[in-house]
Amino acid sequence: MVYYLIALIAFLVDQGTKYLIATRLELQEQIPVIGNFFLITSHRNRGAAFGILQGQQWFFILITTVVIIGIVWYLNKARQTRKLLPLALSLVLGGAIGNFLDRLLMGEVVDFLQFNFGSYTFPIFNVADSCIVVGVALIILDSLRDLKGGEEEVLEVKELEEVKGKE
């Protein structure tokens, strides 16, 4: 249950920040936070990450629906035996639902976090994107941990299954 609460918090923070940007700033309006390095910039994205596949809303809605169903299924399976993986899946779930809702209701995603590195401007993103990236990074970390010490966890899971089987 706690993992769904984490996903809900990620979703609510994402939607709250997007609402503030959409209602308080004009499109393309910028607010410098740290000079020219970090700006709040009101931007809309009809595509995927980095603006690819512009205007393919039904494709994104279909794919995201499948991904959300898969995450919920795997989260229910992993939360009984793992710790880091369910947290990671919760962040991905909250972020995916946040961007999914934007695409479904408005046909575009509200982005607003802009970082400039000298003359290079990183693609503008939002809280949902951040949750997805952090969640995926944690999934990779969890996978690397499995490669290094996975034998111990497999033994723990087998022992847990044996205990449950004896009950």
C-alpha atoms as a PDB file:
ATOM      1  CA  MET A   1       0.000   0.000   0.000  1.00  0.00           C
ATOM      2  CA  VAL A   2       2.856   2.393   0.817  1.00  0.00           C
ATOM      3  CA  TYR A   3       4.145   2.090  -2.739  1.00  0.00           C
ATOM      4  CA  TYR A   4       0.845   3.271  -4.175  1.00  0.00           C
ATOM      5  CA  LEU A   5       0.970   6.195  -1.748  1.00  0.00           C
ATOM      6  CA  ILE A   6       4.410   7.106  -3.126  1.00  0.00           C
ATOM      7  CA  ALA A   7       3.032   6.935  -6.667  1.00  0.00           C
ATOM      8  CA  LEU A   8       0.072   9.112  -5.628  1.00  0.00           C
ATOM      9  CA  ILE A   9       2.366  11.719  -4.058  1.00  0.00           C
ATOM     10  CA  ALA A  10       4.533  11.811  -7.203  1.00  0.00           C
ATOM     11  CA  PHE A  11       1.383  12.205  -9.313  1.00  0.00           C
ATOM     12  CA  LEU A  12      -0.062  14.981  -7.126  1.00  0.00           C
ATOM     13  CA  VAL A  13       3.197  16.967  -7.012  1.00  0.00           C
ATOM     14  CA  ASP A  14       3.466  16.630 -10.786  1.00  0.00           C
ATOM     15  CA  GLN A  15      -0.103  17.713 -11.439  1.00  0.00           C
ATOM     16  CA  GLY A  16       0.084  20.548  -8.898  1.00  0.00           C
ATOM     17  CA  THR A  17       3.229  22.024 -10.421  1.00  0.00           C
ATOM     18  CA  LYS A  18       1.851  21.690 -13.942  1.00  0.00           C
ATOM     19  CA  TYR A  19      -1.361  23.423 -12.870  1.00  0.00           C
ATOM     20  CA  LEU A  20       0.603  26.336 -11.400  1.00  0.00           C
ATOM     21  CA  ILE A  21       2.660  26.719 -14.567  1.00  0.00           C
ATOM     22  CA  ALA A  22      -0.343  26.430 -16.897  1.00  0.00           C
ATOM     23  CA  THR A  23      -2.457  28.937 -14.952  1.00  0.00           C
ATOM     24  CA  ARG A  24       0.156  31.456 -13.812  1.00  0.00           C
ATOM     25  CA  LEU A  25       2.536  31.759 -16.763  1.00  0.00           C
ATOM     26  CA  GLU A  26       2.031  32.595 -20.406  1.00  0.00           C
ATOM     27  CA  LEU A  27       3.335  30.055 -22.899  1.00  0.00           C
ATOM     28  CA  GLN A  28       7.143  30.471 -23.273  1.00  0.00           C
ATOM     29  CA  GLU A  29       7.290  32.879 -20.301  1.00  0.00           C
ATOM     30  CA  GLN A  30      10.460  32.369 -18.280  1.00  0.00           C
ATOM     31  CA  ILE A  31      11.388  32.948 -14.655  1.00  0.00           C
ATOM     32  CA  PRO A  32      15.117  32.776 -13.884  1.00  0.00           C
ATOM     33  CA  VAL A  33      15.782  30.725 -10.746  1.00  0.00           C
ATOM     34  CA  ILE A  34      19.577  30.451 -10.920  1.00  0.00           C
ATOM     35  CA  GLY A  35      20.664  33.015 -13.502  1.00  0.00           C
ATOM     36  CA  ASN A  36      20.550  31.543 -16.988  1.00  0.00           C
ATOM     37  CA  PHE A  37      21.446  28.056 -15.709  1.00  0.00           C
ATOM     38  CA  PHE A  38      18.015  27.088 -14.309  1.00  0.00           C
ATOM     39  CA  LEU A  39      14.782  28.684 -15.478  1.00  0.00           C
ATOM     40  CA  ILE A  40      11.094  27.949 -15.042  1.00  0.00           C
ATOM     41  CA  THR A  41       9.814  28.063 -18.622  1.00  0.00           C
ATOM     42  CA  SER A  42       6.193  27.462 -19.619  1.00  0.00           C
ATOM     43  CA  HIS A  43       6.356  24.962 -22.473  1.00  0.00           C
ATOM     44  CA  ARG A  44       4.033  22.365 -24.045  1.00  0.00           C
ATOM     45  CA  ASN A  45       5.110  19.079 -25.570  1.00  0.00           C
ATOM     46  CA  ARG A  46       2.923  17.037 -27.908  1.00  0.00           C
ATOM     47  CA  GLY A  47       5.597  14.368 -28.274  1.00  0.00           C
ATOM     48  CA  ALA A  48       7.654  12.056 -26.105  1.00  0.00           C
ATOM     49  CA  ALA A  49      10.956  12.690 -24.376  1.00  0.00           C
ATOM     50  CA  PHE A  50      13.000  15.376 -26.084  1.00  0.00           C
ATOM     51  CA  GLY A  51      10.012  16.219 -28.297  1.00  0.00           C
ATOM     52  CA  ILE A  52      10.203  13.124 -30.513  1.00  0.00           C
ATOM     53  CA  LEU A  53       7.084  11.663 -32.171  1.00  0.00           C
ATOM     54  CA  GLN A  54       5.150  14.942 -32.066  1.00  0.00           C
ATOM     55  CA  GLY A  55       1.379  14.583 -32.372  1.00  0.00           C
ATOM     56  CA  GLN A  56       1.218  10.803 -31.843  1.00  0.00           C
ATOM     57  CA  GLN A  57      -1.207  11.071 -28.893  1.00  0.00           C
ATOM     58  CA  TRP A  58      -3.087   7.793 -29.435  1.00  0.00           C
ATOM     59  CA  PHE A  59       0.177   5.902 -29.713  1.00  0.00           C
ATOM     60  CA  PHE A  60       1.324   7.355 -26.364  1.00  0.00           C
ATOM     61  CA  ILE A  61      -2.022   6.665 -24.717  1.00  0.00           C
ATOM     62  CA  LEU A  62      -1.990   3.029 -25.878  1.00  0.00           C
ATOM     63  CA  ILE A  63       1.638   2.406 -24.908  1.00  0.00           C
ATOM     64  CA  THR A  64       1.257   4.162 -21.541  1.00  0.00           C
ATOM     65  CA  THR A  65      -1.858   2.120 -20.728  1.00  0.00           C
ATOM     66  CA  VAL A  66       0.065  -1.100 -21.347  1.00  0.00           C
ATOM     67  CA  VAL A  67       3.047   0.174 -19.322  1.00  0.00           C
ATOM     68  CA  ILE A  68       0.860   1.219 -16.370  1.00  0.00           C
ATOM     69  CA  ILE A  69      -0.862  -2.175 -16.296  1.00  0.00           C
ATOM     70  CA  GLY A  70       2.543  -3.882 -16.418  1.00  0.00           C
ATOM     71  CA  ILE A  71       3.951  -1.718 -13.637  1.00  0.00           C
ATOM     72  CA  VAL A  72       0.960  -2.370 -11.358  1.00  0.00           C
ATOM     73  CA  TRP A  73       1.223  -6.120 -11.987  1.00  0.00           C
ATOM     74  CA  TYR A  74       4.971  -6.193 -11.349  1.00  0.00           C
ATOM     75  CA  LEU A  75       4.722  -3.878  -8.352  1.00  0.00           C
ATOM     76  CA  ASN A  76       2.238  -6.233  -6.709  1.00  0.00           C
ATOM     77  CA  LYS A  77       4.585  -9.141  -7.384  1.00  0.00           C
ATOM     78  CA  ALA A  78       7.849  -7.438  -6.338  1.00  0.00           C
ATOM     79  CA  ARG A  79       6.687  -5.642  -3.196  1.00  0.00           C
ATOM     80  CA  GLN A  80       6.554  -8.852  -1.191  1.00  0.00           C
ATOM     81  CA  THR A  81      10.214  -9.776  -1.653  1.00  0.00           C
ATOM     82  CA  ARG A  82      12.052  -6.597  -2.665  1.00  0.00           C
ATOM     83  CA  LYS A  83      12.603  -3.088  -1.297  1.00  0.00           C
ATOM     84  CA  LEU A  84      14.292  -0.877  -3.889  1.00  0.00           C
ATOM     85  CA  LEU A  85      12.451  -2.190  -6.943  1.00  0.00           C
ATOM     86  CA  PRO A  86       8.919  -1.381  -5.669  1.00  0.00           C
ATOM     87  CA  LEU A  87      10.041   2.149  -4.783  1.00  0.00           C
ATOM     88  CA  ALA A  88      11.445   2.559  -8.287  1.00  0.00           C
ATOM     89  CA  LEU A  89       8.270   1.211  -9.872  1.00  0.00           C
ATOM     90  CA  SER A  90       6.187   3.575  -7.709  1.00  0.00           C
ATOM     91  CA  LEU A  91       8.068   6.599  -9.047  1.00  0.00           C
ATOM     92  CA  VAL A  92       7.723   5.411 -12.646  1.00  0.00           C
ATOM     93  CA  LEU A  93       4.019   4.724 -12.078  1.00  0.00           C
ATOM     94  CA  GLY A  94       3.316   8.176 -10.601  1.00  0.00           C
ATOM     95  CA  GLY A  95       5.208   9.904 -13.406  1.00  0.00           C
ATOM     96  CA  ALA A  96       3.642   7.809 -16.161  1.00  0.00           C
ATOM     97  CA  ILE A  97       0.129   8.493 -14.884  1.00  0.00           C
ATOM     98  CA  GLY A  98       0.904  12.223 -14.601  1.00  0.00           C
ATOM     99  CA  ASN A  99       2.002  12.560 -18.224  1.00  0.00           C
ATOM    100  CA  PHE A 100      -0.721  10.124 -19.352  1.00  0.00           C
ATOM    101  CA  LEU A 101      -3.438  12.305 -17.830  1.00  0.00           C
ATOM    102  CA  ASP A 102      -2.054  15.402 -19.560  1.00  0.00           C
ATOM    103  CA  ARG A 103      -2.035  13.674 -22.941  1.00  0.00           C
ATOM    104  CA  LEU A 104      -5.495  12.223 -22.431  1.00  0.00           C
ATOM    105  CA  LEU A 105      -7.156  15.462 -21.294  1.00  0.00           C
ATOM    106  CA  MET A 106      -5.177  18.148 -23.148  1.00  0.00           C
ATOM    107  CA  GLY A 107      -3.360  16.353 -25.947  1.00  0.00           C
ATOM    108  CA  GLU A 108      -0.044  17.724 -24.670  1.00  0.00           C
ATOM    109  CA  VAL A 109       2.218  17.668 -21.628  1.00  0.00           C
ATOM    110  CA  VAL A 110       3.099  20.752 -19.582  1.00  0.00           C
ATOM    111  CA  ASP A 111       6.886  21.051 -19.239  1.00  0.00           C
ATOM    112  CA  PHE A 112       8.647  23.790 -17.295  1.00  0.00           C
ATOM    113  CA  LEU A 113      12.068  22.812 -15.895  1.00  0.00           C
ATOM    114  CA  GLN A 114      14.785  24.232 -18.136  1.00  0.00           C
ATOM    115  CA  PHE A 115      18.538  23.864 -17.632  1.00  0.00           C
ATOM    116  CA  ASN A 116      21.186  25.581 -19.743  1.00  0.00           C
ATOM    117  CA  PHE A 117      24.771  24.400 -19.849  1.00  0.00           C
ATOM    118  CA  GLY A 118      26.599  27.205 -21.595  1.00  0.00           C
ATOM    119  CA  SER A 119      25.134  27.384 -25.093  1.00  0.00           C
ATOM    120  CA  TYR A 120      23.412  23.983 -24.727  1.00  0.00           C
ATOM    121  CA  THR A 121      19.801  23.940 -23.509  1.00  0.00           C
ATOM    122  CA  PHE A 122      18.700  20.586 -22.103  1.00  0.00           C
ATOM    123  CA  PRO A 123      15.170  19.670 -23.286  1.00  0.00           C
ATOM    124  CA  ILE A 124      12.547  21.176 -20.974  1.00  0.00           C
ATOM    125  CA  PHE A 125      10.907  18.610 -18.683  1.00  0.00           C
ATOM    126  CA  ASN A 126       8.552  18.270 -15.685  1.00  0.00           C
ATOM    127  CA  VAL A 127       8.204  16.498 -12.332  1.00  0.00           C
ATOM    128  CA  ALA A 128       6.677  13.376 -13.944  1.00  0.00           C
ATOM    129  CA  ASP A 129       9.678  13.069 -16.257  1.00  0.00           C
ATOM    130  CA  SER A 130      11.979  13.423 -13.239  1.00  0.00           C
ATOM    131  CA  CYS A 131      10.125  10.679 -11.367  1.00  0.00           C
ATOM    132  CA  ILE A 132      10.354   8.376 -14.380  1.00  0.00           C
ATOM    133  CA  VAL A 133      14.093   8.992 -14.820  1.00  0.00           C
ATOM    134  CA  VAL A 134      14.859   8.511 -11.109  1.00  0.00           C
ATOM    135  CA  GLY A 135      12.658   5.391 -11.058  1.00  0.00           C
ATOM    136  CA  VAL A 136      14.411   3.892 -14.087  1.00  0.00           C
ATOM    137  CA  ALA A 137      17.817   4.703 -12.553  1.00  0.00           C
ATOM    138  CA  LEU A 138      16.749   2.878  -9.374  1.00  0.00           C
ATOM    139  CA  ILE A 139      15.552  -0.097 -11.452  1.00  0.00           C
ATOM    140  CA  ILE A 140      18.986  -0.239 -13.092  1.00  0.00           C
ATOM    141  CA  LEU A 141      20.657   0.029  -9.690  1.00  0.00           C
ATOM    142  CA  ASP A 142      18.468  -2.771  -8.352  1.00  0.00           C
ATOM    143  CA  SER A 143      19.347  -4.912 -11.371  1.00  0.00           C
ATOM    144  CA  LEU A 144      23.064  -4.269 -10.874  1.00  0.00           C
ATOM    145  CA  ARG A 145      22.718  -5.214  -7.213  1.00  0.00           C
ATOM    146  CA  ASP A 146      21.090  -8.461  -8.326  1.00  0.00           C
ATOM    147  CA  LEU A 147      23.991  -9.223 -10.633  1.00  0.00           C
ATOM    148  CA  LYS A 148      26.472  -8.647  -7.831  1.00  0.00           C
ATOM    149  CA  GLY A 149      24.688 -10.253  -4.895  1.00  0.00           C
ATOM    150  CA  GLY A 150      21.580 -11.769  -6.377  1.00  0.00           C
ATOM    151  CA  GLU A 151      22.368 -15.272  -5.193  1.00  0.00           C
ATOM    152  CA  GLU A 152      21.795 -14.267  -1.564  1.00  0.00           C
ATOM    153  CA  GLU A 153      18.428 -12.659  -2.353  1.00  0.00           C
ATOM    154  CA  VAL A 154      17.339 -15.689  -4.399  1.00  0.00           C
ATOM    155  CA  LEU A 155      18.128 -17.896  -1.395  1.00  0.00           C
ATOM    156  CA  GLU A 156      16.153 -15.551   0.886  1.00  0.00           C
ATOM    157  CA  VAL A 157      13.153 -15.687  -1.473  1.00  0.00           C
ATOM    158  CA  LYS A 158      13.335 -19.501  -1.637  1.00  0.00           C
ATOM    159  CA  GLU A 159      13.507 -19.695   2.158  1.00  0.00           C
ATOM    160  CA  LEU A 160      10.509 -17.338   2.408  1.00  0.00           C
ATOM    161  CA  GLU A 161       8.560 -19.512  -0.039  1.00  0.00           C
ATOM    162  CA  GLU A 162       9.461 -22.646   1.920  1.00  0.00           C
ATOM    163  CA  VAL A 163       8.233 -21.047   5.168  1.00  0.00           C
ATOM    164  CA  LYS A 164       4.989 -19.987   3.506  1.00  0.00           C
ATOM    165  CA  GLY A 165       4.576 -23.478   2.034  1.00  0.00           C
ATOM    166  CA  LYS A 166       4.892 -25.103   5.462  1.00  0.00           C
ATOM    167  CA  GLU A 167       2.190 -22.908   6.981  1.00  0.00           C
END
